Amino acid sequence: MNYRLTVSVAGQGLHDVTHKVREIVRQSAIRDGLVTVFVRHTSASLLIQENADPAVRADLERWLNRLVPEGDPLYTHTEEGPDDMPAHIKGALTATSLAIPLMDGALALGPWQGIYLWEHRHHRGVRELVVSVLADRDARSGR
């Protein structure tokens, strides 16, 4: 089963989408299988990361911004603003999809893990994710 999920973002940073993915899993009524999450954009990415201490996410954001700075004179793609080419590079260095096991109707995340949309642009907007909930073949066949 495939679902489209829209996420409003207020700018650059890690946006927790765990609860939205969990709700899709609940609606699917699939008990065992695999959940995939895919971001349909080239200047955003996905990440499974700590959900307890917000300093972890802030440190990751600062680190990636230092690794891929805005205004680098090597960039030739500049028509869409100074944050656009760095956002594409950040998207290339990180993940555009995640795969999470589904066990007994729940995401098999660890106790301190959350699913995050990592917005790499400064603008406010809407991002689209595709969430697929796939049933385990053995679970479907009753084995």
N, C-alpha and C. Protein backbone atom coordinates (compact mmCIF):
# COMPACT_ATOMS: atom_id res chain seq x y z
N MET A 1 0.84 -1.17 0.00
CA MET A 1 0.00 0.00 0.00
C MET A 1 0.89 1.24 0.00
N ASN A 2 0.59 2.17 -0.88
CA ASN A 2 1.35 3.41 -0.97
C ASN A 2 0.50 4.58 -0.52
N TYR A 3 1.13 5.48 0.20
CA TYR A 3 0.45 6.66 0.73
C TYR A 3 1.30 7.89 0.42
N ARG A 4 0.64 9.00 0.14
CA ARG A 4 1.34 10.28 -0.02
C ARG A 4 1.19 11.05 1.28
N LEU A 5 2.29 11.61 1.71
CA LEU A 5 2.31 12.37 2.96
C LEU A 5 2.89 13.74 2.66
N THR A 6 2.16 14.79 2.99
CA THR A 6 2.69 16.14 2.82
C THR A 6 3.14 16.66 4.17
N VAL A 7 4.27 17.35 4.14
CA VAL A 7 4.87 17.88 5.36
C VAL A 7 5.14 19.36 5.14
N SER A 8 4.57 20.20 5.98
CA SER A 8 4.86 21.63 5.95
C SER A 8 6.16 21.88 6.69
N VAL A 9 7.04 22.65 6.07
CA VAL A 9 8.32 22.95 6.70
C VAL A 9 8.44 24.46 6.87
N ALA A 10 9.03 24.86 7.98
CA ALA A 10 9.21 26.28 8.28
C ALA A 10 10.62 26.74 7.95
N GLY A 11 11.35 25.94 7.18
CA GLY A 11 12.71 26.28 6.81
C GLY A 11 13.66 25.15 7.12
N GLN A 12 14.92 25.47 7.01
CA GLN A 12 16.00 24.50 7.18
C GLN A 12 15.93 23.80 8.53
N GLY A 13 16.21 22.51 8.54
CA GLY A 13 16.26 21.78 9.79
C GLY A 13 15.63 20.42 9.69
N LEU A 14 15.65 19.71 10.81
CA LEU A 14 15.10 18.36 10.91
C LEU A 14 13.66 18.44 11.43
N HIS A 15 12.73 17.90 10.66
CA HIS A 15 11.31 17.95 10.98
C HIS A 15 10.84 16.52 11.27
N ASP A 16 10.37 16.29 12.48
CA ASP A 16 9.97 14.95 12.93
C ASP A 16 8.68 14.53 12.21
N VAL A 17 8.74 13.40 11.51
CA VAL A 17 7.56 12.87 10.82
C VAL A 17 7.19 11.48 11.36
N THR A 18 7.81 11.08 12.46
CA THR A 18 7.58 9.74 13.01
C THR A 18 6.10 9.49 13.26
N HIS A 19 5.43 10.42 13.93
CA HIS A 19 4.02 10.22 14.27
C HIS A 19 3.15 10.08 13.02
N LYS A 20 3.48 10.81 11.96
CA LYS A 20 2.70 10.72 10.72
C LYS A 20 2.91 9.37 10.04
N VAL A 21 4.14 8.87 10.05
CA VAL A 21 4.41 7.55 9.47
C VAL A 21 3.73 6.47 10.31
N ARG A 22 3.77 6.61 11.63
CA ARG A 22 3.09 5.64 12.50
C ARG A 22 1.59 5.60 12.22
N GLU A 23 0.99 6.74 11.97
CA GLU A 23 -0.44 6.79 11.68
C GLU A 23 -0.75 6.08 10.37
N ILE A 24 0.10 6.25 9.37
CA ILE A 24 -0.09 5.54 8.10
C ILE A 24 0.01 4.03 8.33
N VAL A 25 0.99 3.60 9.12
CA VAL A 25 1.14 2.17 9.43
C VAL A 25 -0.12 1.66 10.12
N ARG A 26 -0.64 2.41 11.06
CA ARG A 26 -1.86 2.01 11.78
C ARG A 26 -3.03 1.86 10.79
N GLN A 27 -3.19 2.83 9.90
CA GLN A 27 -4.27 2.78 8.92
C GLN A 27 -4.14 1.60 7.97
N SER A 28 -2.92 1.20 7.68
CA SER A 28 -2.71 0.10 6.74
C SER A 28 -3.18 -1.24 7.29
N ALA A 29 -3.19 -1.40 8.60
CA ALA A 29 -3.57 -2.64 9.29
C ALA A 29 -2.63 -3.80 8.97
N ILE A 30 -1.47 -3.52 8.40
CA ILE A 30 -0.48 -4.56 8.14
C ILE A 30 0.32 -4.77 9.42
N ARG A 31 0.53 -6.02 9.79
CA ARG A 31 1.18 -6.33 11.07
C ARG A 31 2.69 -6.54 10.94
N ASP A 32 3.13 -7.22 9.89
CA ASP A 32 4.54 -7.54 9.71
C ASP A 32 4.94 -7.27 8.27
N GLY A 33 6.11 -6.66 8.12
CA GLY A 33 6.57 -6.37 6.76
C GLY A 33 7.65 -5.31 6.77
N LEU A 34 7.53 -4.38 5.83
CA LEU A 34 8.54 -3.34 5.66
C LEU A 34 7.86 -2.03 5.32
N VAL A 35 8.33 -0.97 5.93
CA VAL A 35 7.85 0.38 5.62
C VAL A 35 8.99 1.11 4.94
N THR A 36 8.70 1.68 3.78
CA THR A 36 9.69 2.53 3.13
C THR A 36 9.15 3.95 3.09
N VAL A 37 10.05 4.89 3.24
CA VAL A 37 9.70 6.31 3.17
C VAL A 37 10.63 6.92 2.13
N PHE A 38 10.06 7.67 1.19
CA PHE A 38 10.82 8.27 0.09
C PHE A 38 10.45 9.74 -0.02
N VAL A 39 11.44 10.61 -0.12
CA VAL A 39 11.20 12.03 -0.29
C VAL A 39 11.27 12.36 -1.78
N ARG A 40 10.27 13.09 -2.29
CA ARG A 40 10.16 13.38 -3.72
C ARG A 40 10.78 14.73 -4.07
N HIS A 41 11.91 15.03 -3.50
CA HIS A 41 12.56 16.33 -3.74
C HIS A 41 14.07 16.12 -3.77
N THR A 42 14.77 17.05 -4.42
CA THR A 42 16.23 16.93 -4.54
C THR A 42 16.98 17.84 -3.58
N SER A 43 16.27 18.63 -2.81
CA SER A 43 16.94 19.53 -1.85
C SER A 43 16.44 19.29 -0.43
N ALA A 44 16.01 18.05 -0.18
CA ALA A 44 15.62 17.61 1.16
C ALA A 44 16.00 16.13 1.24
N SER A 45 16.06 15.61 2.44
CA SER A 45 16.43 14.20 2.61
C SER A 45 15.73 13.63 3.83
N LEU A 46 16.03 12.36 4.11
CA LEU A 46 15.42 11.65 5.24
C LEU A 46 16.52 11.11 6.14
N LEU A 47 16.17 10.98 7.41
CA LEU A 47 17.15 10.55 8.39
C LEU A 47 16.45 9.87 9.56
N ILE A 48 17.03 8.80 10.05
CA ILE A 48 16.62 8.23 11.34
C ILE A 48 17.66 8.71 12.33
N GLN A 49 17.19 9.37 13.39
CA GLN A 49 18.12 9.98 14.33
C GLN A 49 17.51 10.03 15.73
N GLU A 50 18.33 10.39 16.68
CA GLU A 50 17.89 10.50 18.07
C GLU A 50 16.70 11.45 18.20
N ASN A 51 15.73 11.03 19.00
CA ASN A 51 14.53 11.84 19.20
C ASN A 51 14.44 12.43 20.60
N ALA A 52 15.47 12.24 21.43
CA ALA A 52 15.39 12.70 22.82
C ALA A 52 16.02 14.08 23.01
N ASP A 53 17.26 14.24 22.64
CA ASP A 53 17.98 15.49 22.89
C ASP A 53 18.02 16.32 21.61
N PRO A 54 17.33 17.45 21.56
CA PRO A 54 17.33 18.29 20.36
C PRO A 54 18.71 18.82 20.00
N ALA A 55 19.65 18.80 20.94
CA ALA A 55 21.01 19.26 20.63
C ALA A 55 21.67 18.39 19.57
N VAL A 56 21.32 17.11 19.53
CA VAL A 56 21.88 16.22 18.52
C VAL A 56 21.49 16.72 17.13
N ARG A 57 20.23 17.04 16.93
CA ARG A 57 19.76 17.51 15.63
C ARG A 57 20.36 18.87 15.29
N ALA A 58 20.48 19.74 16.26
CA ALA A 58 21.10 21.05 16.02
C ALA A 58 22.56 20.90 15.65
N ASP A 59 23.27 19.99 16.32
CA ASP A 59 24.68 19.75 15.99
C ASP A 59 24.83 19.18 14.58
N LEU A 60 23.96 18.25 14.20
CA LEU A 60 24.00 17.70 12.85
C LEU A 60 23.79 18.80 11.81
N GLU A 61 22.84 19.65 12.06
CA GLU A 61 22.53 20.75 11.14
C GLU A 61 23.75 21.68 10.99
N ARG A 62 24.33 22.07 12.11
CA ARG A 62 25.51 22.94 12.06
C ARG A 62 26.68 22.27 11.35
N TRP A 63 26.89 20.99 11.62
CA TRP A 63 27.98 20.26 11.00
C TRP A 63 27.81 20.20 9.48
N LEU A 64 26.58 19.86 9.01
CA LEU A 64 26.36 19.77 7.57
C LEU A 64 26.47 21.14 6.91
N ASN A 65 26.02 22.18 7.59
CA ASN A 65 26.17 23.54 7.04
C ASN A 65 27.63 23.95 6.93
N ARG A 66 28.47 23.49 7.85
CA ARG A 66 29.90 23.79 7.77
C ARG A 66 30.55 22.98 6.65
N LEU A 67 30.11 21.74 6.48
CA LEU A 67 30.65 20.88 5.43
C LEU A 67 30.28 21.41 4.04
N VAL A 68 29.04 21.89 3.89
CA VAL A 68 28.54 22.36 2.60
C VAL A 68 28.05 23.80 2.78
N PRO A 69 28.96 24.78 2.74
CA PRO A 69 28.57 26.16 3.01
C PRO A 69 27.85 26.81 1.83
N GLU A 70 27.05 27.79 2.15
CA GLU A 70 26.44 28.62 1.11
C GLU A 70 27.50 29.59 0.59
N GLY A 71 27.34 30.02 -0.66
CA GLY A 71 28.22 31.04 -1.22
C GLY A 71 29.56 30.53 -1.72
N ASP A 72 29.74 29.23 -1.84
CA ASP A 72 31.01 28.71 -2.35
C ASP A 72 31.17 29.16 -3.80
N PRO A 73 32.31 29.73 -4.17
CA PRO A 73 32.50 30.22 -5.54
C PRO A 73 32.54 29.11 -6.60
N LEU A 74 32.61 27.85 -6.18
CA LEU A 74 32.58 26.75 -7.14
C LEU A 74 31.18 26.53 -7.74
N TYR A 75 30.14 26.99 -7.04
CA TYR A 75 28.77 26.75 -7.50
C TYR A 75 28.48 27.60 -8.74
N THR A 76 27.92 26.94 -9.76
CA THR A 76 27.44 27.68 -10.94
C THR A 76 25.92 27.72 -10.98
N HIS A 77 25.27 26.80 -10.28
CA HIS A 77 23.80 26.77 -10.19
C HIS A 77 23.40 27.72 -9.06
N THR A 78 23.11 28.97 -9.40
CA THR A 78 22.83 30.00 -8.38
C THR A 78 21.51 30.73 -8.61
N GLU A 79 20.79 30.41 -9.69
CA GLU A 79 19.57 31.16 -10.04
C GLU A 79 18.48 31.08 -8.99
N GLU A 80 18.45 29.99 -8.20
CA GLU A 80 17.37 29.80 -7.24
C GLU A 80 17.74 30.22 -5.82
N GLY A 81 18.83 30.95 -5.68
CA GLY A 81 19.22 31.46 -4.37
C GLY A 81 20.46 30.79 -3.84
N PRO A 82 21.08 31.41 -2.85
CA PRO A 82 22.35 30.91 -2.32
C PRO A 82 22.24 29.60 -1.54
N ASP A 83 21.02 29.22 -1.15
CA ASP A 83 20.87 27.96 -0.40
C ASP A 83 20.53 26.78 -1.31
N ASP A 84 20.27 27.02 -2.59
CA ASP A 84 19.78 25.94 -3.46
C ASP A 84 20.86 24.92 -3.81
N MET A 85 21.99 25.33 -4.32
CA MET A 85 23.03 24.36 -4.68
C MET A 85 23.55 23.62 -3.45
N PRO A 86 23.80 24.31 -2.32
CA PRO A 86 24.18 23.56 -1.12
C PRO A 86 23.11 22.53 -0.72
N ALA A 87 21.83 22.87 -0.90
CA ALA A 87 20.75 21.93 -0.58
C ALA A 87 20.82 20.69 -1.45
N HIS A 88 21.14 20.87 -2.74
CA HIS A 88 21.28 19.72 -3.63
C HIS A 88 22.45 18.83 -3.21
N ILE A 89 23.56 19.44 -2.83
CA ILE A 89 24.72 18.67 -2.38
C ILE A 89 24.39 17.91 -1.10
N LYS A 90 23.73 18.59 -0.16
CA LYS A 90 23.33 17.93 1.09
C LYS A 90 22.40 16.75 0.82
N GLY A 91 21.47 16.94 -0.13
CA GLY A 91 20.57 15.86 -0.51
C GLY A 91 21.32 14.69 -1.11
N ALA A 92 22.39 14.97 -1.89
CA ALA A 92 23.19 13.91 -2.49
C ALA A 92 24.01 13.16 -1.45
N LEU A 93 24.40 13.83 -0.38
CA LEU A 93 25.23 13.21 0.66
C LEU A 93 24.42 12.43 1.69
N THR A 94 23.14 12.67 1.73
CA THR A 94 22.28 12.02 2.73
C THR A 94 21.31 11.08 2.01
N ALA A 95 20.27 10.63 2.66
CA ALA A 95 19.37 9.61 2.10
C ALA A 95 18.09 10.21 1.55
N THR A 96 17.61 9.63 0.45
CA THR A 96 16.31 10.02 -0.08
C THR A 96 15.24 9.00 0.26
N SER A 97 15.66 7.84 0.80
CA SER A 97 14.67 6.84 1.23
C SER A 97 15.18 6.09 2.45
N LEU A 98 14.22 5.56 3.20
CA LEU A 98 14.51 4.78 4.39
C LEU A 98 13.70 3.49 4.33
N ALA A 99 14.22 2.44 4.92
CA ALA A 99 13.49 1.18 5.04
C ALA A 99 13.47 0.81 6.52
N ILE A 100 12.27 0.58 7.06
CA ILE A 100 12.10 0.29 8.47
C ILE A 100 11.25 -0.98 8.61
N PRO A 101 11.76 -1.99 9.32
CA PRO A 101 10.96 -3.20 9.53
C PRO A 101 9.67 -2.88 10.31
N LEU A 102 8.65 -3.63 9.99
CA LEU A 102 7.36 -3.53 10.67
C LEU A 102 7.13 -4.83 11.42
N MET A 103 6.99 -4.74 12.75
CA MET A 103 6.81 -5.93 13.59
C MET A 103 5.60 -5.73 14.49
N ASP A 104 4.66 -6.66 14.41
CA ASP A 104 3.44 -6.60 15.23
C ASP A 104 2.72 -5.26 15.09
N GLY A 105 2.68 -4.73 13.87
CA GLY A 105 1.97 -3.49 13.60
C GLY A 105 2.68 -2.23 14.03
N ALA A 106 3.96 -2.33 14.42
CA ALA A 106 4.71 -1.16 14.89
C ALA A 106 6.03 -1.04 14.15
N LEU A 107 6.46 0.19 13.95
CA LEU A 107 7.78 0.43 13.39
C LEU A 107 8.83 -0.13 14.35
N ALA A 108 9.81 -0.84 13.83
CA ALA A 108 10.83 -1.46 14.68
C ALA A 108 11.97 -0.47 14.95
N LEU A 109 11.60 0.75 15.31
CA LEU A 109 12.59 1.76 15.68
C LEU A 109 13.07 1.50 17.10
N GLY A 110 14.30 1.90 17.38
CA GLY A 110 14.80 1.83 18.74
C GLY A 110 14.12 2.89 19.60
N PRO A 111 14.28 2.80 20.92
CA PRO A 111 13.56 3.72 21.81
C PRO A 111 13.95 5.19 21.64
N TRP A 112 15.12 5.47 21.09
CA TRP A 112 15.56 6.86 20.94
C TRP A 112 15.63 7.28 19.48
N GLN A 113 14.95 6.53 18.60
CA GLN A 113 15.00 6.84 17.17
C GLN A 113 13.71 7.48 16.70
N GLY A 114 13.86 8.47 15.84
CA GLY A 114 12.73 9.09 15.17
C GLY A 114 13.04 9.22 13.69
N ILE A 115 12.00 9.42 12.90
CA ILE A 115 12.14 9.61 11.45
C ILE A 115 12.02 11.10 11.18
N TYR A 116 13.00 11.64 10.45
CA TYR A 116 13.04 13.08 10.20
C TYR A 116 13.14 13.39 8.72
N LEU A 117 12.36 14.37 8.30
CA LEU A 117 12.56 15.01 7.01
C LEU A 117 13.60 16.10 7.25
N TRP A 118 14.69 16.05 6.50
CA TRP A 118 15.76 17.04 6.68
C TRP A 118 15.64 18.05 5.56
N GLU A 119 15.08 19.18 5.88
CA GLU A 119 14.92 20.27 4.91
C GLU A 119 16.24 21.02 4.80
N HIS A 120 16.74 21.15 3.57
CA HIS A 120 18.03 21.81 3.35
C HIS A 120 17.90 23.24 2.82
N ARG A 121 16.68 23.69 2.52
CA ARG A 121 16.48 25.07 2.04
C ARG A 121 15.97 25.92 3.20
N HIS A 122 16.09 27.23 3.05
CA HIS A 122 15.62 28.16 4.08
C HIS A 122 14.13 28.47 3.97
N HIS A 123 13.55 28.26 2.81
CA HIS A 123 12.17 28.70 2.57
C HIS A 123 11.14 27.87 3.34
N ARG A 124 9.99 28.46 3.53
CA ARG A 124 8.83 27.73 4.04
C ARG A 124 8.18 27.04 2.86
N GLY A 125 7.60 25.90 3.10
CA GLY A 125 6.95 25.22 1.99
C GLY A 125 6.39 23.88 2.40
N VAL A 126 6.07 23.09 1.39
CA VAL A 126 5.49 21.78 1.60
C VAL A 126 6.37 20.77 0.86
N ARG A 127 6.67 19.68 1.53
CA ARG A 127 7.43 18.59 0.92
C ARG A 127 6.52 17.37 0.87
N GLU A 128 6.75 16.53 -0.13
CA GLU A 128 5.92 15.34 -0.29
C GLU A 128 6.77 14.09 -0.09
N LEU A 129 6.24 13.19 0.73
CA LEU A 129 6.85 11.90 0.97
C LEU A 129 5.91 10.81 0.44
N VAL A 130 6.49 9.71 0.01
CA VAL A 130 5.71 8.53 -0.32
C VAL A 130 6.07 7.47 0.71
N VAL A 131 5.05 6.94 1.37
CA VAL A 131 5.23 5.91 2.38
C VAL A 131 4.59 4.63 1.85
N SER A 132 5.39 3.57 1.76
CA SER A 132 4.89 2.27 1.32
C SER A 132 4.91 1.32 2.51
N VAL A 133 3.80 0.65 2.74
CA VAL A 133 3.71 -0.35 3.79
C VAL A 133 3.50 -1.69 3.08
N LEU A 134 4.52 -2.53 3.18
CA LEU A 134 4.52 -3.79 2.45
C LEU A 134 4.39 -4.95 3.44
N ALA A 135 3.45 -5.83 3.17
CA ALA A 135 3.23 -6.97 4.05
C ALA A 135 4.28 -8.04 3.79
N ASP A 136 4.72 -8.68 4.85
CA ASP A 136 5.61 -9.82 4.75
C ASP A 136 4.90 -10.92 3.98
N ARG A 137 5.55 -11.51 3.01
CA ARG A 137 4.93 -12.55 2.17
C ARG A 137 4.43 -13.71 3.03
N ASP A 138 5.23 -14.13 3.98
CA ASP A 138 4.82 -15.23 4.86
C ASP A 138 3.60 -14.86 5.69
N ALA A 139 3.53 -13.59 6.12
CA ALA A 139 2.38 -13.14 6.91
C ALA A 139 1.11 -13.16 6.06
N ARG A 140 1.22 -12.80 4.78
CA ARG A 140 0.06 -12.80 3.89
C ARG A 140 -0.42 -14.21 3.59
N SER A 141 0.53 -15.14 3.48
CA SER A 141 0.14 -16.51 3.10
C SER A 141 -0.24 -17.35 4.31
N GLY A 142 -0.10 -16.79 5.52
CA GLY A 142 -0.48 -17.51 6.72
C GLY A 142 0.58 -18.47 7.23
N ARG A 143 1.83 -18.37 6.70
CA ARG A 143 2.91 -19.25 7.16
C ARG A 143 3.61 -18.70 8.36
